[in-house]
Amino acid sequence: MAEVFKDPRKATYLNEEGADKPLKSPLPASTLEAACAYRLGRLRGELARHDCAAILLYDPVNIHYALDVTNMQLWALHNAVRYALIFADGPAVLFEFKDAEHLSDGIATVDEVRRATSWIYMAAGDRSDERLTHWAGEIDDLMHAHGGGNRRLAIDKIEPPGLKALEDLGYTYVEGQELTERARAIKSADEIDLMRWTIRVCEAGMARMYEASEPGRTEQEIWAELHHENARSGGGWLETRLLLAGPHTNPWYAECSDYVCREGDMISFDTDMIGPYGYCADLSRSWTCGHVAMTNRQRELYLTAREQIEHNLALVKAGVSFAEFNEKSWRIPEKHQPYRYSLAVHGVGMADEWPVVLLHPDFEHGYDGHFEENMTVCVESLIGEEGSECIKLETQVLVTEDGAERLDSFPWEDV
């Protein structure tokens, strides 16, 4: 087979044919079907645990989790135009955007599809009150039919007029984000298989970025390689624009720009990629532009970041409390503390999720909890100092009784 790419990392993460083509998932349909049934069961279990008749979902990521139906996901994140009402002991009703009802055809988790009533001002204008009354009445009718007299309704997110309309009808609001986050936190084996595939696609995109990391390329050009691989292989979107080079890496959190990368610049990034099946691949790496040897300072920072990752990774295990993790976690040297990341570990699934475990200087502002078997989490490091570039590293892992099992395999730099 003729070599297609000059860098061996690229070849490692190509499709099976060894060509520059989209990756096609080898997973059978039964894997997704089983994952969907499990996810809906998890959510209904949380409803029962909180004594709620139903949950009203507006967050498109939660709707995807519960019902495996997507529609204009990013647009729907800021336009409340579709929603779902899922009963603890009753049907799952999807209220879909006008003329998009067919998107749920054949989806086993959806029992009924209705046309959504949108009462936000952009869609309804001066008829908002009229539509709001109709919307609330339709939910009220379903609750009477399937709620068994229980007036406790969980809601993940809602505009204030909608909440008031439901409370005026006698419903008790239950904060739904706790239910959805807790449900999503524990993954089934099928979910892990789906997540592994998203990571596979992400690492193919990272290999493209690695090859494109040459002098004369802009940050945006390099970042576009990940978009390209994700989109053509069936993925969704990138939640952030965090690929930075040279002086742009410090302070962290600038967004990628038209900065032209120079040979030897440190290129650091965080994928935050929502990929195939809606799962997130949240990985970070740092390498030099042109893949030249690191300077002594770059190498010192890089090895420090690796030390933080490896130390904290070894502490992640089912049953370990967040307080115990914090007590034993790697201590950031004083010179790096002003440039530290915001957290040590966070959950990941269809996006960044609960829990979030803060770094030791900030842990007093965090919360209690413990790592549980079959959580998936990301272990993070950001290392910089005054006048330096920043190194960003992150790995995604499955929490087991024996420790953390890494799900990503893209290599660290050999320094």
Protein backbone atom coordinates (compact mmCIF):
# COMPACT_ATOMS: atom_id res chain seq x y z
CA MET A 1 0.00 0.00 0.00
CA ALA A 2 1.39 3.39 -0.94
CA GLU A 3 2.05 5.72 1.98
CA VAL A 4 -0.55 8.46 1.99
CA PHE A 5 0.69 10.60 4.90
CA LYS A 6 4.18 11.61 5.84
CA ASP A 7 3.65 11.30 9.59
CA PRO A 8 3.29 7.85 11.14
CA ARG A 9 0.70 9.12 13.65
CA LYS A 10 -1.60 9.89 10.76
CA ALA A 11 -1.32 6.38 9.37
CA THR A 12 -2.04 4.90 12.80
CA TYR A 13 -5.41 6.65 12.97
CA LEU A 14 -6.56 6.24 9.36
CA ASN A 15 -9.48 4.10 8.34
CA GLU A 16 -8.89 0.44 7.63
CA GLU A 17 -8.26 1.06 3.94
CA GLY A 18 -5.37 3.36 4.83
CA ALA A 19 -6.81 6.16 2.73
CA ASP A 20 -7.80 9.71 3.55
CA LYS A 21 -11.51 8.93 3.75
CA PRO A 22 -14.22 9.30 6.39
CA LEU A 23 -14.21 6.78 9.20
CA LYS A 24 -17.21 4.46 9.28
CA SER A 25 -18.34 3.00 12.57
CA PRO A 26 -18.04 -0.79 12.84
CA LEU A 27 -20.59 -0.92 15.67
CA PRO A 28 -23.83 -2.81 14.97
CA ALA A 29 -27.16 -1.05 15.29
CA SER A 30 -27.90 -3.17 18.35
CA THR A 31 -25.17 -1.33 20.31
CA LEU A 32 -26.90 2.02 19.88
CA GLU A 33 -30.32 0.51 20.50
CA ALA A 34 -29.18 -1.04 23.78
CA ALA A 35 -27.51 2.19 24.86
CA CYS A 36 -30.68 4.17 24.13
CA ALA A 37 -32.86 1.81 26.16
CA TYR A 38 -30.38 2.00 29.04
CA ARG A 39 -30.26 5.80 28.96
CA LEU A 40 -34.03 6.19 29.03
CA GLY A 41 -34.18 3.69 31.87
CA ARG A 42 -31.57 5.66 33.82
CA LEU A 43 -33.59 8.85 33.46
CA ARG A 44 -36.83 7.16 34.53
CA GLY A 45 -35.02 5.69 37.50
CA GLU A 46 -34.05 9.20 38.62
CA LEU A 47 -37.67 10.34 38.21
CA ALA A 48 -38.80 7.55 40.51
CA ARG A 49 -36.05 8.32 43.01
CA HIS A 50 -37.14 11.97 43.19
CA ASP A 51 -40.87 11.14 43.21
CA CYS A 52 -41.52 13.06 39.99
CA ALA A 53 -44.33 12.20 37.58
CA ALA A 54 -42.31 13.37 34.58
CA ILE A 55 -39.47 15.49 33.33
CA LEU A 56 -39.73 18.29 30.79
CA LEU A 57 -36.55 18.54 28.70
CA TYR A 58 -35.49 21.53 26.62
CA ASP A 59 -31.73 20.98 26.51
CA PRO A 60 -31.12 19.27 23.13
CA VAL A 61 -28.27 17.23 24.64
CA ASN A 62 -30.65 15.83 27.26
CA ILE A 63 -33.27 15.12 24.59
CA HIS A 64 -30.62 13.26 22.59
CA TYR A 65 -29.57 11.31 25.68
CA ALA A 66 -33.13 10.31 26.54
CA LEU A 67 -34.63 9.69 23.10
CA ASP A 68 -31.77 9.54 20.56
CA VAL A 69 -33.36 12.23 18.40
CA THR A 70 -31.39 15.24 17.21
CA ASN A 71 -32.51 18.32 15.31
CA MET A 72 -30.52 21.51 14.75
CA GLN A 73 -28.71 20.92 18.04
CA LEU A 74 -26.72 24.15 18.33
CA TRP A 75 -29.62 26.31 17.16
CA ALA A 76 -31.93 24.62 19.64
CA LEU A 77 -29.48 25.31 22.46
CA HIS A 78 -30.42 28.99 22.31
CA ASN A 79 -33.91 28.81 20.79
CA ALA A 80 -36.54 27.03 22.90
CA VAL A 81 -38.43 25.53 19.97
CA ARG A 82 -38.51 21.78 20.73
CA TYR A 83 -38.90 19.80 23.91
CA ALA A 84 -39.82 16.42 25.35
CA LEU A 85 -42.05 15.27 28.20
CA ILE A 86 -40.98 11.91 29.61
CA PHE A 87 -43.05 10.15 32.25
CA ALA A 88 -41.70 7.93 35.01
CA ASP A 89 -44.48 5.45 34.33
CA GLY A 90 -45.92 6.46 31.00
CA PRO A 91 -45.03 7.61 27.50
CA ALA A 92 -42.13 9.62 26.17
CA VAL A 93 -43.65 12.45 24.13
CA LEU A 94 -41.45 14.45 21.77
CA PHE A 95 -42.64 17.92 20.79
CA GLU A 96 -40.79 18.53 17.55
CA PHE A 97 -40.11 21.64 15.50
CA LYS A 98 -42.68 22.28 12.78
CA ASP A 99 -42.28 19.95 9.76
CA ALA A 100 -39.48 18.00 11.46
CA GLU A 101 -41.71 15.37 13.02
CA HIS A 102 -40.35 12.71 10.67
CA LEU A 103 -36.92 12.83 12.31
CA SER A 104 -38.06 10.41 15.01
CA ASP A 105 -39.57 7.85 12.62
CA GLY A 106 -38.55 4.39 13.75
CA ILE A 107 -37.04 5.54 17.06
CA ALA A 108 -38.11 3.00 19.67
CA THR A 109 -37.73 5.35 22.64
CA VAL A 110 -40.32 7.83 21.31
CA ASP A 111 -43.94 6.86 22.01
CA GLU A 112 -45.62 9.93 20.52
CA VAL A 113 -44.62 12.92 18.41
CA ARG A 114 -46.47 16.22 18.52
CA ARG A 115 -45.78 19.58 16.93
CA ALA A 116 -44.03 21.88 19.36
CA THR A 117 -45.60 25.14 20.48
CA SER A 118 -42.94 27.82 20.62
CA TRP A 119 -43.82 30.87 22.69
CA ILE A 120 -40.43 32.62 22.84
CA TYR A 121 -40.62 36.16 21.49
CA MET A 122 -38.51 35.46 18.39
CA ALA A 123 -41.06 32.89 17.23
CA ALA A 124 -44.31 34.24 18.68
CA GLY A 125 -43.92 38.02 18.92
CA ASP A 126 -46.98 39.66 20.45
CA ARG A 127 -48.79 36.31 20.46
CA SER A 128 -46.43 34.88 23.09
CA ASP A 129 -49.07 34.88 25.85
CA GLU A 130 -51.57 33.10 23.62
CA ARG A 131 -49.10 30.39 22.68
CA LEU A 132 -47.87 30.06 26.25
CA THR A 133 -51.42 29.29 27.40
CA HIS A 134 -51.79 26.62 24.71
CA TRP A 135 -48.37 25.12 25.58
CA ALA A 136 -49.12 24.90 29.29
CA GLY A 137 -52.57 23.44 28.64
CA GLU A 138 -51.14 20.67 26.48
CA ILE A 139 -48.63 19.69 29.17
CA ASP A 140 -51.37 19.86 31.79
CA ASP A 141 -53.57 17.48 29.77
CA LEU A 142 -50.72 14.96 29.46
CA MET A 143 -49.92 15.18 33.15
CA HIS A 144 -53.57 14.48 34.02
CA ALA A 145 -53.58 11.51 31.67
CA HIS A 146 -50.28 9.90 32.67
CA GLY A 147 -49.08 11.47 35.92
CA GLY A 148 -51.20 9.43 38.30
CA GLY A 149 -52.11 12.54 40.27
CA ASN A 150 -48.47 13.41 41.00
CA ARG A 151 -47.94 17.16 40.51
CA ARG A 152 -44.13 17.08 40.85
CA LEU A 153 -42.59 17.97 37.47
CA ALA A 154 -38.83 18.04 36.89
CA ILE A 155 -37.54 20.53 34.30
CA ASP A 156 -33.97 20.80 33.02
CA LYS A 157 -34.17 24.38 31.69
CA ILE A 158 -37.02 26.75 30.91
CA GLU A 159 -37.71 30.41 30.27
CA PRO A 160 -39.31 32.15 33.29
CA PRO A 161 -42.81 32.66 31.78
CA GLY A 162 -43.11 28.92 31.16
CA LEU A 163 -42.24 28.04 34.75
CA LYS A 164 -44.76 30.56 36.09
CA ALA A 165 -47.50 29.19 33.80
CA LEU A 166 -46.95 25.65 35.09
CA GLU A 167 -46.79 26.75 38.71
CA ASP A 168 -50.03 28.67 38.22
CA LEU A 169 -51.58 25.35 37.17
CA GLY A 170 -50.52 23.82 40.46
CA TYR A 171 -47.31 21.99 39.49
CA THR A 172 -44.32 21.77 41.80
CA TYR A 173 -41.05 22.47 40.04
CA VAL A 174 -38.19 20.05 40.69
CA GLU A 175 -34.71 21.04 39.53
CA GLY A 176 -34.14 18.67 36.61
CA GLN A 177 -30.44 19.20 36.03
CA GLU A 178 -29.59 17.09 39.06
CA LEU A 179 -31.69 14.26 37.63
CA THR A 180 -30.18 14.43 34.16
CA GLU A 181 -26.59 14.81 35.37
CA ARG A 182 -26.92 11.89 37.78
CA ALA A 183 -28.54 9.72 35.13
CA ARG A 184 -25.88 10.50 32.55
CA ALA A 185 -22.96 9.96 34.94
CA ILE A 186 -22.99 6.13 34.94
CA LYS A 187 -22.34 4.60 31.53
CA SER A 188 -23.34 1.20 30.19
CA ALA A 189 -20.89 -1.01 28.30
CA ASP A 190 -22.69 -0.06 25.09
CA GLU A 191 -22.26 3.62 25.84
CA ILE A 192 -18.55 3.07 26.38
CA ASP A 193 -18.33 1.39 22.96
CA LEU A 194 -20.03 4.44 21.39
CA MET A 195 -17.68 6.77 23.24
CA ARG A 196 -14.63 4.78 22.14
CA TRP A 197 -15.70 5.33 18.54
CA THR A 198 -16.04 9.09 19.02
CA ILE A 199 -12.53 9.09 20.50
CA ARG A 200 -11.31 7.09 17.50
CA VAL A 201 -12.66 9.78 15.17
CA CYS A 202 -11.23 12.55 17.37
CA GLU A 203 -7.78 11.01 17.29
CA ALA A 204 -7.92 10.79 13.50
CA GLY A 205 -8.65 14.52 13.56
CA MET A 206 -5.78 15.09 15.97
CA ALA A 207 -3.47 13.25 13.60
CA ARG A 208 -4.54 15.61 10.82
CA MET A 209 -3.80 18.54 13.13
CA TYR A 210 -0.41 17.08 13.96
CA GLU A 211 0.51 16.89 10.29
CA ALA A 212 -0.78 20.42 9.65
CA SER A 213 1.25 21.92 12.51
CA GLU A 214 3.83 23.51 10.24
CA PRO A 215 5.32 27.01 10.12
CA GLY A 216 3.15 29.39 8.12
CA ARG A 217 -0.17 27.76 9.10
CA THR A 218 -2.62 29.77 11.19
CA GLU A 219 -4.17 28.49 14.38
CA GLN A 220 -7.51 28.40 12.58
CA GLU A 221 -6.15 26.34 9.70
CA ILE A 222 -4.82 23.71 12.09
CA TRP A 223 -8.03 23.70 14.17
CA ALA A 224 -10.11 23.21 11.01
CA GLU A 225 -8.56 19.77 10.52
CA LEU A 226 -10.41 18.47 13.57
CA HIS A 227 -13.71 19.97 12.34
CA HIS A 228 -13.10 18.35 8.97
CA GLU A 229 -12.59 14.83 10.35
CA ASN A 230 -15.47 15.09 12.79
CA ALA A 231 -17.96 16.40 10.22
CA ARG A 232 -17.14 13.94 7.47
CA SER A 233 -17.17 10.99 9.87
CA GLY A 234 -20.64 11.73 11.23
CA GLY A 235 -19.86 13.89 14.25
CA GLY A 236 -21.54 17.02 15.55
CA TRP A 237 -19.59 20.08 16.64
CA LEU A 238 -16.71 21.45 18.70
CA GLU A 239 -17.80 23.10 21.93
CA THR A 240 -14.84 25.51 22.05
CA ARG A 241 -12.11 27.02 19.84
CA LEU A 242 -9.14 26.21 22.05
CA LEU A 243 -6.12 25.74 19.82
CA LEU A 244 -3.43 28.26 20.58
CA ALA A 245 0.20 28.71 19.59
CA GLY A 246 3.25 30.43 21.02
CA PRO A 247 2.47 33.56 23.01
CA HIS A 248 -1.29 32.97 22.61
CA THR A 249 -1.12 29.95 24.93
CA ASN A 250 -0.55 32.14 28.00
CA PRO A 251 -2.89 33.18 29.46
CA TRP A 252 -5.07 30.23 28.50
CA TYR A 253 -8.63 30.45 27.10
CA ALA A 254 -7.95 32.71 24.14
CA GLU A 255 -9.74 31.40 21.03
CA CYS A 256 -7.91 30.28 17.92
CA SER A 257 -7.15 33.10 15.53
CA ASP A 258 -5.33 34.00 12.33
CA TYR A 259 -2.04 34.02 14.23
CA VAL A 260 0.61 32.48 11.95
CA CYS A 261 2.48 29.71 13.75
CA ARG A 262 6.26 29.90 13.80
CA GLU A 263 8.70 27.02 13.96
CA GLY A 264 9.22 25.97 17.55
CA ASP A 265 6.02 27.59 18.86
CA MET A 266 4.23 25.38 21.33
CA ILE A 267 0.82 24.43 19.94
CA SER A 268 -1.66 23.51 22.70
CA PHE A 269 -5.30 22.53 22.28
CA ASP A 270 -8.40 21.06 23.89
CA THR A 271 -10.69 19.15 21.50
CA ASP A 272 -14.09 19.47 23.30
CA MET A 273 -15.48 17.48 20.35
CA ILE A 274 -19.05 16.24 20.16
CA GLY A 275 -18.61 13.37 17.77
CA PRO A 276 -20.53 10.44 16.29
CA TYR A 277 -23.48 9.16 18.36
CA GLY A 278 -23.42 12.47 20.25
CA TYR A 279 -20.61 11.51 22.62
CA CYS A 280 -17.82 13.84 23.63
CA ALA A 281 -14.10 13.30 23.08
CA ASP A 282 -12.38 15.78 25.37
CA LEU A 283 -8.63 15.43 24.84
CA SER A 284 -5.71 17.83 25.08
CA ARG A 285 -2.20 17.68 23.72
CA SER A 286 0.72 20.05 23.18
CA TRP A 287 3.54 19.83 20.60
CA THR A 288 5.89 22.14 18.79
CA CYS A 289 5.18 23.74 15.44
CA GLY A 290 7.27 21.90 12.87
CA HIS A 291 7.78 19.10 15.43
CA VAL A 292 11.23 20.39 16.28
CA ALA A 293 12.88 19.51 19.57
CA MET A 294 11.48 21.40 22.54
CA THR A 295 13.56 24.06 24.23
CA ASN A 296 14.71 23.34 27.76
CA ARG A 297 11.93 25.49 29.16
CA GLN A 298 9.24 23.86 27.00
CA ARG A 299 10.52 20.43 27.99
CA GLU A 300 10.46 21.28 31.70
CA LEU A 301 6.88 22.54 31.48
CA TYR A 302 5.81 19.52 29.46
CA LEU A 303 7.29 17.03 31.89
CA THR A 304 5.66 18.89 34.78
CA ALA A 305 2.26 18.58 33.08
CA ARG A 306 2.86 14.87 32.49
CA GLU A 307 3.71 14.44 36.15
CA GLN A 308 0.44 16.06 37.19
CA ILE A 309 -1.56 13.88 34.79
CA GLU A 310 0.09 10.62 35.82
CA HIS A 311 -0.08 11.34 39.55
CA ASN A 312 -3.76 12.31 39.55
CA LEU A 313 -4.70 9.56 37.10
CA ALA A 314 -3.40 6.97 39.56
CA LEU A 315 -5.81 8.28 42.22
CA VAL A 316 -9.01 7.86 40.18
CA LYS A 317 -10.77 4.72 41.36
CA ALA A 318 -14.33 3.70 42.17
CA GLY A 319 -15.12 4.49 45.81
CA VAL A 320 -12.51 7.23 46.21
CA SER A 321 -14.11 10.39 47.58
CA PHE A 322 -13.41 13.76 46.02
CA ALA A 323 -11.98 14.88 49.36
CA GLU A 324 -9.58 11.92 49.43
CA PHE A 325 -8.57 12.58 45.84
CA ASN A 326 -7.91 16.22 46.69
CA GLU A 327 -5.85 15.34 49.76
CA LYS A 328 -3.58 13.03 47.76
CA SER A 329 -3.57 15.01 44.50
CA TRP A 330 -0.45 16.45 42.88
CA ARG A 331 0.57 19.78 44.40
CA ILE A 332 1.11 22.54 41.88
CA PRO A 333 4.41 24.36 42.41
CA GLU A 334 3.96 27.97 43.46
CA LYS A 335 5.33 29.44 40.23
CA HIS A 336 2.67 27.59 38.20
CA GLN A 337 -0.32 28.31 40.42
CA PRO A 338 -1.33 31.67 38.87
CA TYR A 339 -1.58 29.90 35.49
CA ARG A 340 -3.36 26.76 36.72
CA TYR A 341 -6.45 25.21 35.17
CA SER A 342 -9.87 25.56 36.80
CA LEU A 343 -10.21 21.88 37.78
CA ALA A 344 -8.42 18.57 38.19
CA VAL A 345 -11.07 16.11 36.94
CA HIS A 346 -14.49 16.39 35.33
CA GLY A 347 -17.17 14.02 34.10
CA VAL A 348 -17.73 13.49 30.39
CA GLY A 349 -20.45 11.84 28.33
CA MET A 350 -22.51 13.63 25.71
CA ALA A 351 -20.73 16.80 26.85
CA ASP A 352 -18.73 17.84 29.89
CA GLU A 353 -20.77 16.54 32.82
CA TRP A 354 -21.02 16.22 36.58
CA PRO A 355 -18.87 15.73 38.61
CA VAL A 356 -16.29 18.51 38.65
CA VAL A 357 -13.40 18.07 41.10
CA LEU A 358 -11.52 21.30 41.64
CA LEU A 359 -7.75 21.60 41.99
CA HIS A 360 -6.30 21.63 45.50
CA PRO A 361 -5.95 25.46 45.80
CA ASP A 362 -9.66 25.81 44.99
CA PHE A 363 -11.13 22.65 46.50
CA GLU A 364 -12.83 24.43 49.40
CA HIS A 365 -15.20 25.91 46.81
CA GLY A 366 -16.13 22.46 45.43
CA TYR A 367 -18.58 19.81 46.61
CA ASP A 368 -18.75 16.33 48.09
CA GLY A 369 -19.04 13.05 46.21
CA HIS A 370 -17.01 10.08 45.12
CA PHE A 371 -15.93 8.36 41.93
CA GLU A 372 -18.30 5.58 40.91
CA GLU A 373 -17.75 2.54 38.75
CA ASN A 374 -18.55 3.19 35.06
CA MET A 375 -18.25 6.94 35.32
CA THR A 376 -16.21 8.44 32.51
CA VAL A 377 -14.01 11.37 33.46
CA CYS A 378 -11.23 13.54 32.09
CA VAL A 379 -8.00 14.21 34.00
CA GLU A 380 -6.57 17.65 33.20
CA SER A 381 -3.34 19.62 33.38
CA LEU A 382 -2.41 23.17 32.37
CA ILE A 383 1.14 24.22 33.22
CA GLY A 384 2.67 27.62 32.59
CA GLU A 385 4.65 30.27 34.39
CA GLU A 386 5.43 33.96 34.02
CA GLY A 387 6.56 34.71 30.48
CA SER A 388 6.24 31.12 29.25
CA GLU A 389 3.98 29.25 26.91
CA CYS A 390 1.37 26.92 28.42
CA ILE A 391 1.23 23.14 28.13
CA LYS A 392 -2.28 21.64 28.03
CA LEU A 393 -2.71 17.87 28.51
CA GLU A 394 -5.86 15.82 29.14
CA THR A 395 -6.87 12.17 29.00
CA GLN A 396 -10.33 10.55 29.04
CA VAL A 397 -10.85 7.48 31.23
CA LEU A 398 -13.34 4.90 32.44
CA VAL A 399 -13.58 4.57 36.22
CA THR A 400 -13.34 0.96 37.41
CA GLU A 401 -12.94 -0.83 40.74
CA ASP A 402 -9.27 -1.29 39.89
CA GLY A 403 -8.55 2.29 38.81
CA ALA A 404 -8.79 4.38 35.66
CA GLU A 405 -8.77 2.77 32.22
CA ARG A 406 -7.61 5.21 29.55
CA LEU A 407 -9.91 5.43 26.55
CA ASP A 408 -7.62 7.54 24.35
CA SER A 409 -4.32 6.35 22.91
CA PHE A 410 -2.90 9.31 20.99
CA PRO A 411 0.72 9.49 22.18
CA TRP A 412 2.28 12.07 24.43
CA GLU A 413 5.36 13.78 23.04
CA ASP A 414 8.66 11.96 23.43
CA VAL A 415 10.72 14.52 25.32
